[in-house]
Protein backbone atom coordinates (compact mmCIF):
# COMPACT_ATOMS: atom_id res chain seq x y z
CA MET A 1 0.00 0.00 0.00
CA SER A 2 2.81 2.44 0.91
CA ASN A 3 4.39 1.85 -2.55
CA ILE A 4 1.25 3.11 -4.26
CA ILE A 5 0.13 5.98 -2.03
CA ASN A 6 2.55 8.90 -2.09
CA SER A 7 0.21 11.84 -1.43
CA ILE A 8 -2.75 12.74 0.73
CA THR A 9 -4.80 13.11 -2.44
CA GLN A 10 -3.97 9.54 -3.47
CA PHE A 11 -4.87 8.27 0.01
CA LEU A 12 -8.30 9.90 -0.21
CA LEU A 13 -8.90 8.71 -3.77
CA SER A 14 -7.80 5.15 -2.91
CA GLY A 15 -10.49 5.07 -0.23
CA GLU A 16 -13.03 6.35 -2.77
CA PHE A 17 -13.78 9.32 -0.53
CA GLN A 18 -15.46 12.54 -1.46
CA TYR A 19 -13.31 15.31 0.02
CA ARG A 20 -12.81 19.03 0.44
CA VAL A 21 -9.60 20.78 1.50
CA TYR A 22 -9.68 24.19 3.20
CA ASP A 23 -6.96 26.62 4.16
CA LEU A 24 -7.36 27.80 7.75
CA GLY A 25 -4.30 30.03 8.08
CA ARG A 26 -5.74 33.41 7.13
CA LYS A 27 -9.37 32.92 6.21
CA LEU A 28 -11.36 29.74 5.76
CA THR A 29 -10.73 29.27 2.04
CA LEU A 30 -11.63 26.29 -0.11
CA LEU A 31 -8.69 24.82 -2.03
CA PRO A 32 -10.15 23.08 -5.11
CA ASN A 33 -9.16 19.40 -5.27
CA SER A 34 -7.21 19.91 -8.49
CA LEU A 35 -5.27 22.80 -6.92
CA PHE A 36 -4.44 20.78 -3.80
CA GLN A 37 -3.19 17.96 -6.00
CA ARG A 38 -0.84 20.38 -7.79
CA ILE A 39 0.28 21.83 -4.44
CA GLU A 40 1.19 18.34 -3.20
CA ALA A 41 3.13 17.67 -6.40
CA GLN A 42 5.00 20.99 -5.98
CA LYS A 43 3.60 22.19 -9.29
CA GLU A 44 1.96 25.15 -7.55
CA LEU A 45 3.07 27.48 -4.77
CA TYR A 46 1.02 27.27 -1.62
CA PRO A 47 -1.33 30.27 -2.05
CA TYR A 48 -2.06 31.22 1.59
CA PRO A 49 0.93 30.50 3.85
CA PHE A 50 0.68 31.84 7.38
CA GLN A 51 3.74 31.92 9.62
CA GLN A 52 5.58 29.86 6.96
CA LYS A 53 3.08 27.01 7.24
CA ALA A 54 0.07 25.57 5.45
CA TRP A 55 -2.83 25.19 7.90
CA LEU A 56 -5.25 22.68 6.41
CA GLY A 57 -8.72 21.44 7.27
CA LEU A 58 -9.63 18.22 5.45
CA LEU A 59 -13.22 17.02 5.28
CA PHE A 60 -13.85 13.62 3.70
CA TRP A 61 -16.69 11.15 3.58
CA SER A 62 -18.03 8.11 1.81
CA GLU A 63 -20.33 8.94 -1.08
CA ALA A 64 -22.78 6.37 0.30
CA ASP A 65 -22.90 7.93 3.78
CA ASN A 66 -22.12 11.60 4.45
CA THR A 67 -23.21 11.36 8.11
CA GLU A 68 -19.89 9.72 9.01
CA ALA A 69 -17.60 12.45 7.69
CA THR A 70 -14.05 12.64 9.02
CA ILE A 71 -12.19 15.88 9.76
CA TRP A 72 -8.41 16.30 9.93
CA PHE A 73 -6.59 19.48 10.87
CA LEU A 74 -3.00 19.34 9.59
CA GLN A 75 -0.13 21.81 9.38
CA PHE A 76 2.91 21.46 7.15
CA PRO A 77 5.92 23.77 6.69
CA ILE A 78 6.39 25.81 3.52
CA ASP A 79 9.89 25.99 2.04
CA GLU A 80 11.77 29.18 1.14
CA LEU A 81 10.48 29.10 -2.43
CA GLY A 82 6.86 28.87 -1.27
CA TYR A 83 6.18 25.18 -1.90
CA LEU A 84 4.70 22.63 0.50
CA LYS A 85 7.57 20.64 2.02
CA GLN A 86 7.08 17.16 0.64
CA ALA A 87 9.38 15.56 3.22
CA SER A 88 7.03 16.58 6.04
CA ARG A 89 3.98 15.44 4.08
CA ASP A 90 5.70 12.10 3.40
CA THR A 91 6.48 11.62 7.09
CA PHE A 92 2.82 12.19 7.89
CA LEU A 93 1.79 9.65 5.23
CA GLN A 94 4.12 7.05 6.73
CA GLU A 95 2.51 7.63 10.13
CA LEU A 96 -0.95 7.44 8.59
CA LEU A 97 -0.32 4.21 6.68
CA MET A 98 1.18 2.61 9.76
CA HIS A 99 -1.95 3.50 11.77
CA VAL A 100 -4.19 2.20 8.98
CA GLY A 101 -2.39 -1.14 9.14
CA THR A 102 -2.62 -1.23 12.95
CA ASN A 103 -6.34 -0.42 12.85
CA LEU A 104 -7.03 -3.10 10.24
CA GLN A 105 -5.41 -5.66 12.56
CA ALA A 106 -7.38 -4.29 15.51
CA GLN A 107 -10.63 -4.49 13.56
CA GLN A 108 -9.96 -8.10 12.60
CA SER A 109 -9.13 -9.10 16.19
CA GLY A 110 -11.98 -7.10 17.72
CA SER A 111 -9.59 -4.75 19.57
CA LYS A 112 -10.06 -1.01 20.00
CA MET A 113 -9.01 1.10 16.99
CA GLN A 114 -6.80 4.17 17.52
CA ASP A 115 -7.18 7.76 16.44
CA SER A 116 -4.66 8.00 13.57
CA LEU A 117 -3.96 11.70 14.23
CA LYS A 118 -3.88 11.74 18.01
CA GLU A 119 -0.10 11.53 18.32
CA SER A 120 0.85 13.15 15.01
CA ALA A 121 3.19 16.13 15.15
CA PHE A 122 1.39 17.49 12.08
CA ALA A 123 -2.05 17.66 13.70
CA PHE A 124 -3.27 20.86 15.34
CA LYS A 125 -6.40 22.02 17.11
CA PRO A 126 -7.88 25.25 15.73
CA ARG A 127 -9.18 28.00 18.00
CA GLN A 128 -12.84 27.69 19.00
CA ASP A 129 -13.97 30.36 16.52
CA ARG A 130 -12.20 28.56 13.65
CA LEU A 131 -13.68 25.23 14.71
CA ALA A 132 -17.15 26.81 14.71
CA ILE A 133 -16.86 28.31 11.22
CA PHE A 134 -15.28 25.13 9.83
CA HIS A 135 -18.13 23.01 11.19
CA ALA A 136 -20.66 25.53 9.85
CA PHE A 137 -19.27 25.22 6.31
CA ALA A 138 -18.82 21.46 6.69
CA THR A 139 -22.52 20.89 7.51
CA LEU A 140 -23.44 23.11 4.56
CA GLU A 141 -21.15 21.11 2.24
CA LEU A 142 -22.61 17.84 3.52
CA LYS A 143 -26.18 19.17 3.11
CA GLN A 144 -26.78 18.69 6.82
CA GLN A 145 -28.83 20.88 9.12
CA ALA A 146 -27.19 23.75 10.96
CA SER A 147 -26.63 23.49 14.70
CA LYS A 148 -29.34 24.07 17.30
CA TYR A 149 -27.85 27.55 17.83
CA TYR A 150 -28.69 28.70 14.28
CA GLN A 151 -32.33 29.66 14.69
CA PRO A 152 -31.80 31.48 18.04
CA ALA A 153 -29.05 33.51 16.32
CA ARG A 154 -31.46 34.43 13.51
CA ILE A 155 -34.12 35.43 16.04
CA TYR A 156 -31.54 37.61 17.80
CA LEU A 157 -30.68 39.41 14.55
CA GLN A 158 -34.38 40.12 14.03
CA GLY A 159 -34.28 42.09 17.28
CA LYS A 160 -37.15 40.12 18.78
CA THR A 161 -35.32 39.39 22.03
CA GLY A 162 -33.55 42.75 22.22
CA TYR A 163 -30.05 43.39 20.89
CA ASP A 164 -28.74 43.67 24.45
CA GLN A 165 -29.60 40.00 25.03
CA TRP A 166 -26.49 38.75 23.27
CA LYS A 167 -25.02 36.69 26.11
CA SER A 168 -27.17 33.70 25.16
CA LEU A 169 -25.78 33.71 21.60
CA GLY A 170 -23.78 30.61 20.74
CA LEU A 171 -20.52 30.98 18.82
CA GLN A 172 -21.66 28.13 16.59
CA GLY A 173 -24.91 29.95 15.84
CA ILE A 174 -23.02 33.03 14.65
CA ALA A 175 -20.79 30.84 12.47
CA ASP A 176 -23.85 29.09 11.02
CA ILE A 177 -25.36 32.47 10.09
CA ILE A 178 -22.17 33.50 8.27
CA ALA A 179 -21.77 30.17 6.44
CA ARG A 180 -25.41 30.50 5.33
CA LEU A 181 -25.16 34.23 4.69
CA HIS A 182 -26.77 33.93 1.26
CA LEU A 183 -29.59 31.68 2.51
CA ASP A 184 -32.72 32.31 4.60
CA ASN A 185 -32.47 36.11 4.12
CA ASN A 186 -29.52 36.14 6.56
CA GLU A 187 -27.53 38.85 4.79
CA HIS A 188 -30.49 41.23 4.98
CA LEU A 189 -31.01 40.37 8.66
CA LEU A 190 -27.38 41.20 9.36
CA ILE A 191 -27.50 44.48 7.42
CA THR A 192 -30.52 45.58 9.46
CA ALA A 193 -29.05 44.48 12.81
CA LEU A 194 -25.41 45.62 12.53
CA PRO A 195 -25.94 49.32 13.41
CA HIS A 196 -27.78 48.28 16.60
CA LEU A 197 -25.43 45.56 17.88
CA PRO A 198 -23.43 46.08 21.10
CA MET A 199 -19.68 45.86 20.67
CA THR A 200 -19.18 42.21 21.69
CA PRO A 201 -21.61 40.61 19.21
CA LEU A 202 -20.62 43.14 16.54
CA ILE A 203 -16.99 42.03 16.86
CA SER A 204 -17.98 38.37 16.70
CA PHE A 205 -20.16 38.73 13.60
CA ALA A 206 -17.56 40.92 11.88
CA GLU A 207 -14.68 38.52 12.57
CA ASN A 208 -16.69 35.65 11.12
CA LEU A 209 -17.62 37.62 8.01
CA GLU A 210 -14.03 37.39 6.76
CA HIS A 211 -14.81 33.77 5.81
CA ASN A 212 -17.56 34.47 3.27
CA SER A 213 -18.11 36.84 0.37
CA ILE A 214 -20.32 39.81 1.20
CA GLY A 215 -22.54 41.98 -0.94
CA VAL A 216 -22.26 45.69 -1.72
CA GLU A 217 -24.97 46.75 0.75
CA LEU A 218 -23.40 44.80 3.61
CA SER A 219 -19.99 46.26 2.70
CA PHE A 220 -21.48 49.75 2.91
CA THR A 221 -23.05 49.02 6.32
CA LEU A 222 -19.74 47.69 7.65
CA HIS A 223 -17.98 50.80 6.35
CA GLN A 224 -20.47 52.98 8.23
CA CYS A 225 -19.79 51.00 11.41
CA LEU A 226 -16.05 51.48 10.85
CA GLN A 227 -16.44 55.23 10.32
CA GLN A 228 -18.40 55.49 13.55
CA ALA A 229 -15.78 53.46 15.44
CA LEU A 230 -12.97 55.68 14.11
CA GLU A 231 -14.80 58.85 15.13
CA GLU A 232 -15.20 57.78 18.76
CA GLU A 233 -12.87 59.51 21.20
CA ASN A 234 -11.53 56.25 22.63
CA SER A 235 -11.73 54.08 19.55
CA ASN A 236 -11.61 50.33 20.18
CA SER A 237 -8.80 48.69 18.20
CA GLN A 238 -10.35 45.21 18.50
CA LEU A 239 -13.58 46.45 16.92
CA ILE A 240 -11.75 48.32 14.15
CA ALA A 241 -9.63 45.23 13.41
CA ALA A 242 -12.75 43.04 13.28
CA LEU A 243 -14.51 45.43 10.88
CA ILE A 244 -11.54 45.60 8.53
CA ARG A 245 -11.39 41.79 8.55
CA ALA A 246 -15.05 41.72 7.48
CA ILE A 247 -14.55 44.39 4.81
CA SER A 248 -11.66 42.38 3.35
CA SER A 249 -14.36 40.01 2.00
CA SER A 250 -16.02 42.78 -0.01
CA PRO A 251 -16.20 41.96 -3.74
CA ASP A 252 -15.37 45.53 -4.76
CA LYS A 253 -11.59 45.91 -4.83
CA ASN A 254 -11.72 49.69 -5.24
CA VAL A 255 -14.00 50.12 -2.22
CA ARG A 256 -11.81 47.83 -0.10
CA GLN A 257 -8.66 49.68 -1.01
CA GLN A 258 -10.19 53.10 -0.45
CA ILE A 259 -11.35 52.09 3.04
CA ILE A 260 -7.95 50.58 3.91
CA LEU A 261 -6.14 53.66 2.59
CA GLN A 262 -8.30 55.89 4.76
CA LEU A 263 -7.70 53.68 7.81
CA LEU A 264 -3.92 53.58 7.26
CA GLN A 265 -3.83 57.36 7.62
CA THR A 266 -5.42 57.32 11.09
CA ASN A 267 -3.82 56.75 14.48
CA SER A 268 -5.78 53.50 14.76
CA ALA A 269 -3.49 51.97 12.12
CA LYS A 270 -0.65 52.20 14.63
CA GLU A 271 -2.40 49.64 16.87
CA ILE A 272 -0.95 46.15 16.53
CA GLU A 273 -4.39 44.47 16.25
CA VAL A 274 -5.38 46.74 13.38
CA ILE A 275 -2.15 46.52 11.38
CA ALA A 276 -2.06 42.73 11.90
CA ALA A 277 -5.65 42.46 10.63
CA ILE A 278 -4.75 44.41 7.49
CA ALA A 279 -1.62 42.32 6.89
CA SER A 280 -3.24 38.94 7.48
CA ARG A 281 -6.67 39.51 5.86
CA ALA A 282 -6.24 42.30 3.29
CA TRP A 283 -2.80 41.31 2.01
CA GLN A 284 -3.96 41.34 -1.62
CA ASP A 285 -4.84 45.03 -1.37
CA ILE A 286 -1.84 46.53 0.39
CA THR A 287 0.77 45.77 -2.29
CA THR A 288 -0.59 48.40 -4.66
CA GLN A 289 1.73 51.33 -5.31
CA LYS A 290 -0.83 53.60 -3.67
CA LEU A 291 -1.32 51.66 -0.42
CA LEU A 292 2.02 49.98 0.29
CA PRO A 293 3.91 53.14 1.43
CA PHE A 294 1.12 53.94 3.91
CA PHE A 295 1.06 50.34 5.15
CA MET A 296 4.83 50.26 5.63
CA GLN A 297 4.75 53.54 7.52
CA ALA A 298 1.96 52.30 9.82
CA LEU A 299 3.87 49.04 10.34
CA SER A 300 7.00 50.98 11.34
CA TYR A 301 5.26 52.18 14.52
CA GLN A 302 5.36 48.62 15.85
CA HIS A 303 8.24 47.22 17.91
CA GLN A 304 11.04 45.72 15.83
CA ASP A 305 10.06 42.11 16.58
CA ALA A 306 6.44 42.67 15.47
CA PHE A 307 7.65 44.54 12.37
CA ASN A 308 9.92 41.61 11.44
CA ILE A 309 7.29 38.92 12.07
CA ILE A 310 4.61 40.63 9.96
CA LEU A 311 7.00 41.44 7.13
CA ILE A 312 8.44 37.90 6.99
CA ASP A 313 4.92 36.47 6.96
CA LEU A 314 3.85 38.74 4.09
CA MET A 315 6.95 37.98 2.04
CA GLY A 316 6.06 34.28 2.16
CA ILE A 317 2.84 34.87 0.20
CA PRO A 318 3.16 34.36 -3.57
CA LYS A 319 3.57 37.66 -5.49
CA MET A 320 4.10 39.64 -2.28
CA ARG A 321 7.88 39.42 -2.02
CA GLU A 322 8.82 41.70 -4.93
CA PRO A 323 6.55 44.64 -4.05
CA ILE A 324 7.74 44.55 -0.44
CA LEU A 325 11.42 44.35 -1.41
CA LYS A 326 10.85 47.32 -3.70
CA SER A 327 9.28 49.27 -0.82
CA LEU A 328 12.33 48.56 1.34
CA ARG A 329 14.43 50.47 -1.20
CA ASP A 330 12.10 53.49 -1.34
CA PRO A 331 14.35 56.59 -0.99
CA GLU A 332 11.44 58.66 0.36
CA ARG A 333 10.77 56.43 3.38
CA SER A 334 10.67 58.04 6.82
CA ALA A 335 13.51 57.91 9.34
CA LEU A 336 11.50 55.55 11.56
CA LEU A 337 10.76 53.18 8.68
CA SER A 338 14.46 53.27 7.69
CA LYS A 339 15.33 52.29 11.25
CA ARG A 340 12.89 49.36 11.22
CA ILE A 341 14.15 48.18 7.83
CA GLY A 342 17.71 48.35 9.15
CA GLY A 343 16.69 46.20 12.11
CA PHE A 344 14.91 43.78 9.80
CA LEU A 345 17.88 43.38 7.45
CA GLY A 346 20.28 43.25 10.40
CA GLY A 347 18.29 40.35 11.84
CA PHE A 348 18.68 38.44 8.58
CA ALA A 349 22.42 39.12 8.46
CA LYS A 350 22.77 37.88 12.03
CA LYS A 351 20.79 34.74 11.20
CA LYS A 352 23.11 33.90 8.31
CA THR A 353 26.26 34.27 10.39
CA THR A 354 24.93 31.92 13.08
CA HIS A 355 24.12 29.11 10.65
């Protein structure tokens, strides 16, 4: 068996499974099966690396029975060129095939079968909010009903129980609303409710919205919420970060970039939560010639370590490296940004001498 199966894709196909692969590093993003196959074969760069790793959620099931779906959460390193490291993937496959053999023997002898991922160094447990949104999309994919928290969340958005009664909201219910945003009139419900939501549920809904595409009207409502948050005397950086994460899912590139440009020129952009949200969720927008100088300047207000971490992470994304390297050579950069770039390059030089 191990001579035949040399990829996760082949393992799933050999079992005649239906499967979906999602990236969980930045946003919950579906990786088409054909793309994942090319990624495994190193014919395609990994599109959404986060902290130099691929964070994967695998959902697979038998075509005859989708009620017994299996979920794996796996993380693999990305190499310096941006490809999935096959050596790590191969090590995982060896572990997996060994466990399959052990479980077949256990099944034949009537012994207890083991969880094949329990001891794997490549397995990880997502945060609760990521688990909730993954399960919300998984039940939708499998054509299963949403959780018991779905309808109470819809009733809350209708304002029937009072918008201040948010403490009974379940995280899974919010995730189910977002996964089913384009069903059951949910997008309209959210548009109507957003201006009235207290900060805590507003943050939670906004953070989840990064995982689904949003319409023009919802984008406009989120922008209004952001404007209001920016105008407050003691603006809340967590709320602003959550709203920019939601707006990053807007289909209108020009609107997204205009909002981000405006935000980058405020003091709020100096907050680590806000600049990290822009870098990790709106990375496709900030490399434009218009936005990148403002982003780099806002990033320079962070401590050197944070500056380095965010910049290294961004440079690992395909097509991001060249624009960022070009910005590092900008002769019109500020003294503070020059200092941060010097610290960044100095850290690389030090790394090379110690290896």
